Amino acid sequence: MKRLLIVPAAALLFASCDAAPPVAEIHASEMASIQTVAPRPATLESPAMLQDEAPPLKPKALAWETPKAIVFSAEDERVRSALPFSPAIAMDPIDGSKISIRATTPIYEYEKKIYYFSSEENKRRFAADPQAILKGGLMRL
C-alpha cells in the first residue's frame, strides 16, 4: 500500500523539477557589457571628518584636592642616601602602611634587621614582642 503512494508522489516531484522557469528574453540591444558602457570613475563616499579639537584631558587629581609637595630636609636626604635600597620606602610590620623613610622615622633593630614604623606607638608594640608580630599573630592588615 505504501508503495502505491510513494510512486505517484515521486513521479509528481520529478515532473515538477523538469519544468524550467520561464526566462525573459533579452535582446542584444538591451544587454550592457564592458565594450558598450562608457567608462566613468566610480563614485566614492567622502571620509568622515575629524574634529578640530580633542576632548579635554582628565585631571590626575580630584578638583578639590591639591597635591602636597613632599619636601625633604638635608638630614632626610642624608639618611635616604645612606640606605642600601631605593626608593626609600618601607612597610610598617604592625599595620602594613607604607612609610617614606626620613630622619625622624622610628627604627627598631631586631636580629640584625632594621624595621621602620609609622609611629612611636607601633614601635613600642613591636618592641614588646617582636617574635609574635613577625609570625603574624598581632598584625592588623
C-alpha atoms as a PDB file:
ATOM      1  CA  MET A   1       0.000   0.000   0.000  1.00  0.00           C
ATOM      2  CA  LYS A   2       2.843   2.346   0.861  1.00  0.00           C
ATOM      3  CA  ARG A   3       4.492   1.644  -2.486  1.00  0.00           C
ATOM      4  CA  LEU A   4       1.382   2.712  -4.301  1.00  0.00           C
ATOM      5  CA  LEU A   5       1.504   6.131  -2.590  1.00  0.00           C
ATOM      6  CA  ILE A   6       5.240   6.693  -2.956  1.00  0.00           C
ATOM      7  CA  VAL A   7       5.424   6.019  -6.686  1.00  0.00           C
ATOM      8  CA  PRO A   8       2.885   8.704  -7.740  1.00  0.00           C
ATOM      9  CA  ALA A   9       4.383  11.224  -5.299  1.00  0.00           C
ATOM     10  CA  ALA A  10       7.883  10.660  -6.696  1.00  0.00           C
ATOM     11  CA  ALA A  11       6.624  10.936 -10.263  1.00  0.00           C
ATOM     12  CA  LEU A  12       4.928  14.240  -9.436  1.00  0.00           C
ATOM     13  CA  LEU A  13       8.104  15.545  -7.820  1.00  0.00           C
ATOM     14  CA  PHE A  14      10.251  14.631 -10.833  1.00  0.00           C
ATOM     15  CA  ALA A  15       7.751  16.146 -13.211  1.00  0.00           C
ATOM     16  CA  SER A  16       7.765  19.458 -11.333  1.00  0.00           C
ATOM     17  CA  CYS A  17      11.601  19.574 -11.291  1.00  0.00           C
ATOM     18  CA  ASP A  18      11.846  19.067 -15.028  1.00  0.00           C
ATOM     19  CA  ALA A  19       9.839  22.156 -15.844  1.00  0.00           C
ATOM     20  CA  ALA A  20      12.193  25.137 -16.217  1.00  0.00           C
ATOM     21  CA  PRO A  21      11.025  28.539 -15.025  1.00  0.00           C
ATOM     22  CA  PRO A  22      10.119  30.954 -17.776  1.00  0.00           C
ATOM     23  CA  VAL A  23      13.083  33.084 -18.907  1.00  0.00           C
ATOM     24  CA  ALA A  24      12.552  36.599 -20.134  1.00  0.00           C
ATOM     25  CA  GLU A  25      14.094  37.178 -23.462  1.00  0.00           C
ATOM     26  CA  ILE A  26      16.840  39.801 -23.529  1.00  0.00           C
ATOM     27  CA  HIS A  27      17.666  41.409 -26.804  1.00  0.00           C
ATOM     28  CA  ALA A  28      21.247  42.234 -27.692  1.00  0.00           C
ATOM     29  CA  SER A  29      20.407  45.962 -27.732  1.00  0.00           C
ATOM     30  CA  GLU A  30      19.330  45.847 -24.039  1.00  0.00           C
ATOM     31  CA  MET A  31      22.389  43.969 -22.809  1.00  0.00           C
ATOM     32  CA  ALA A  32      25.293  46.039 -21.356  1.00  0.00           C
ATOM     33  CA  SER A  33      28.884  44.878 -21.498  1.00  0.00           C
ATOM     34  CA  ILE A  34      32.341  46.324 -20.978  1.00  0.00           C
ATOM     35  CA  GLN A  35      32.505  47.284 -24.613  1.00  0.00           C
ATOM     36  CA  THR A  36      29.104  49.021 -24.737  1.00  0.00           C
ATOM     37  CA  VAL A  37      29.249  51.058 -21.477  1.00  0.00           C
ATOM     38  CA  ALA A  38      31.139  54.356 -21.396  1.00  0.00           C
ATOM     39  CA  PRO A  39      33.998  54.388 -18.860  1.00  0.00           C
ATOM     40  CA  ARG A  40      33.436  56.623 -15.844  1.00  0.00           C
ATOM     41  CA  PRO A  41      35.086  56.830 -12.430  1.00  0.00           C
ATOM     42  CA  ALA A  42      33.452  55.104  -9.515  1.00  0.00           C
ATOM     43  CA  THR A  43      31.734  57.376  -7.025  1.00  0.00           C
ATOM     44  CA  LEU A  44      33.206  57.125  -3.548  1.00  0.00           C
ATOM     45  CA  GLU A  45      31.757  58.317  -0.286  1.00  0.00           C
ATOM     46  CA  SER A  46      33.706  61.114   1.351  1.00  0.00           C
ATOM     47  CA  PRO A  47      35.592  60.082   4.533  1.00  0.00           C
ATOM     48  CA  ALA A  48      34.333  61.102   7.938  1.00  0.00           C
ATOM     49  CA  MET A  49      35.606  64.485   9.027  1.00  0.00           C
ATOM     50  CA  LEU A  50      37.803  64.683  12.121  1.00  0.00           C
ATOM     51  CA  GLN A  51      37.070  67.174  14.854  1.00  0.00           C
ATOM     52  CA  ASP A  52      39.379  70.142  15.161  1.00  0.00           C
ATOM     53  CA  GLU A  53      39.946  69.660  18.909  1.00  0.00           C
ATOM     54  CA  ALA A  54      40.478  66.655  21.108  1.00  0.00           C
ATOM     55  CA  PRO A  55      38.385  66.224  24.259  1.00  0.00           C
ATOM     56  CA  PRO A  56      39.886  67.857  27.353  1.00  0.00           C
ATOM     57  CA  LEU A  57      42.358  65.813  29.382  1.00  0.00           C
ATOM     58  CA  LYS A  58      41.129  64.112  32.520  1.00  0.00           C
ATOM     59  CA  PRO A  59      42.564  65.627  35.697  1.00  0.00           C
ATOM     60  CA  LYS A  60      45.037  63.450  37.595  1.00  0.00           C
ATOM     61  CA  ALA A  61      43.737  64.634  40.965  1.00  0.00           C
ATOM     62  CA  LEU A  62      40.218  65.468  42.018  1.00  0.00           C
ATOM     63  CA  ALA A  63      39.221  69.105  41.662  1.00  0.00           C
ATOM     64  CA  TRP A  64      39.028  69.739  45.407  1.00  0.00           C
ATOM     65  CA  GLU A  65      42.327  68.026  46.180  1.00  0.00           C
ATOM     66  CA  THR A  66      45.535  69.966  45.944  1.00  0.00           C
ATOM     67  CA  PRO A  67      48.589  67.740  45.736  1.00  0.00           C
ATOM     68  CA  LYS A  68      51.070  68.409  48.526  1.00  0.00           C
ATOM     69  CA  ALA A  69      54.696  68.694  47.574  1.00  0.00           C
ATOM     70  CA  ILE A  70      56.989  66.375  49.520  1.00  0.00           C
ATOM     71  CA  VAL A  71      59.880  68.356  50.936  1.00  0.00           C
ATOM     72  CA  PHE A  72      62.853  66.506  52.396  1.00  0.00           C
ATOM     73  CA  SER A  73      65.293  68.185  54.717  1.00  0.00           C
ATOM     74  CA  ALA A  74      69.056  67.861  54.332  1.00  0.00           C
ATOM     75  CA  GLU A  75      69.067  65.336  57.190  1.00  0.00           C
ATOM     76  CA  ASP A  76      66.341  63.294  55.431  1.00  0.00           C
ATOM     77  CA  GLU A  77      68.359  63.257  52.232  1.00  0.00           C
ATOM     78  CA  ARG A  78      71.469  62.111  54.111  1.00  0.00           C
ATOM     79  CA  VAL A  79      69.568  59.231  55.744  1.00  0.00           C
ATOM     80  CA  ARG A  80      67.895  58.197  52.472  1.00  0.00           C
ATOM     81  CA  SER A  81      71.169  58.248  50.538  1.00  0.00           C
ATOM     82  CA  ALA A  82      72.817  56.001  53.138  1.00  0.00           C
ATOM     83  CA  LEU A  83      70.171  53.286  52.637  1.00  0.00           C
ATOM     84  CA  PRO A  84      71.220  50.217  50.584  1.00  0.00           C
ATOM     85  CA  PHE A  85      67.928  50.217  48.676  1.00  0.00           C
ATOM     86  CA  SER A  86      65.947  52.661  46.589  1.00  0.00           C
ATOM     87  CA  PRO A  87      63.280  54.029  46.715  1.00  0.00           C
ATOM     88  CA  ALA A  88      63.469  54.803  50.417  1.00  0.00           C
ATOM     89  CA  ILE A  89      60.077  53.297  51.235  1.00  0.00           C
ATOM     90  CA  ALA A  90      59.394  50.681  53.897  1.00  0.00           C
ATOM     91  CA  MET A  91      56.382  48.829  55.291  1.00  0.00           C
ATOM     92  CA  ASP A  92      55.312  49.083  58.913  1.00  0.00           C
ATOM     93  CA  PRO A  93      55.201  45.497  60.318  1.00  0.00           C
ATOM     94  CA  ILE A  94      52.338  46.412  62.664  1.00  0.00           C
ATOM     95  CA  ASP A  95      49.718  47.921  60.361  1.00  0.00           C
ATOM     96  CA  GLY A  96      51.232  47.322  56.898  1.00  0.00           C
ATOM     97  CA  SER A  97      51.293  51.005  55.937  1.00  0.00           C
ATOM     98  CA  LYS A  98      53.871  52.384  53.512  1.00  0.00           C
ATOM     99  CA  ILE A  99      56.461  54.667  55.074  1.00  0.00           C
ATOM    100  CA  SER A 100      58.666  57.205  53.347  1.00  0.00           C
ATOM    101  CA  ILE A 101      61.894  56.872  55.316  1.00  0.00           C
ATOM    102  CA  ARG A 102      63.088  60.116  56.882  1.00  0.00           C
ATOM    103  CA  ALA A 103      65.492  61.103  59.645  1.00  0.00           C
ATOM    104  CA  THR A 104      62.599  61.125  62.173  1.00  0.00           C
ATOM    105  CA  THR A 105      61.164  57.719  61.203  1.00  0.00           C
ATOM    106  CA  PRO A 106      61.019  55.376  64.229  1.00  0.00           C
ATOM    107  CA  ILE A 107      63.501  52.488  63.788  1.00  0.00           C
ATOM    108  CA  TYR A 108      63.955  49.233  65.700  1.00  0.00           C
ATOM    109  CA  GLU A 109      66.687  46.658  65.090  1.00  0.00           C
ATOM    110  CA  TYR A 110      65.846  43.012  65.775  1.00  0.00           C
ATOM    111  CA  GLU A 111      68.049  40.027  64.907  1.00  0.00           C
ATOM    112  CA  LYS A 112      70.334  42.143  62.680  1.00  0.00           C
ATOM    113  CA  LYS A 113      67.368  43.509  60.669  1.00  0.00           C
ATOM    114  CA  ILE A 114      66.080  47.066  60.788  1.00  0.00           C
ATOM    115  CA  TYR A 115      62.322  47.645  60.983  1.00  0.00           C
ATOM    116  CA  TYR A 116      60.683  51.017  60.209  1.00  0.00           C
ATOM    117  CA  PHE A 117      57.455  52.231  61.818  1.00  0.00           C
ATOM    118  CA  SER A 118      54.840  54.854  61.039  1.00  0.00           C
ATOM    119  CA  SER A 119      54.518  55.881  64.702  1.00  0.00           C
ATOM    120  CA  GLU A 120      56.219  55.514  68.069  1.00  0.00           C
ATOM    121  CA  GLU A 121      53.216  53.532  69.321  1.00  0.00           C
ATOM    122  CA  ASN A 122      53.752  50.895  66.592  1.00  0.00           C
ATOM    123  CA  LYS A 123      57.443  50.758  67.522  1.00  0.00           C
ATOM    124  CA  ARG A 124      56.570  50.139  71.214  1.00  0.00           C
ATOM    125  CA  ARG A 125      54.114  47.371  70.278  1.00  0.00           C
ATOM    126  CA  PHE A 126      56.782  45.716  68.116  1.00  0.00           C
ATOM    127  CA  ALA A 127      59.467  46.065  70.804  1.00  0.00           C
ATOM    128  CA  ALA A 128      57.172  44.384  73.383  1.00  0.00           C
ATOM    129  CA  ASP A 129      57.010  41.094  71.445  1.00  0.00           C
ATOM    130  CA  PRO A 130      58.750  41.148  68.039  1.00  0.00           C
ATOM    131  CA  GLN A 131      58.662  37.382  67.544  1.00  0.00           C
ATOM    132  CA  ALA A 132      54.843  37.215  67.811  1.00  0.00           C
ATOM    133  CA  ILE A 133      54.365  40.127  65.419  1.00  0.00           C
ATOM    134  CA  LEU A 134      56.761  38.700  62.843  1.00  0.00           C
ATOM    135  CA  LYS A 135      54.926  35.364  62.943  1.00  0.00           C
ATOM    136  CA  GLY A 136      51.753  37.280  62.060  1.00  0.00           C
ATOM    137  CA  GLY A 137      49.804  36.846  65.287  1.00  0.00           C
ATOM    138  CA  LEU A 138      49.349  40.533  66.039  1.00  0.00           C
ATOM    139  CA  MET A 139      49.419  42.201  62.601  1.00  0.00           C
ATOM    140  CA  ARG A 140      46.390  44.337  61.721  1.00  0.00           C
ATOM    141  CA  LEU A 141      46.243  44.193  57.920  1.00  0.00           C
END
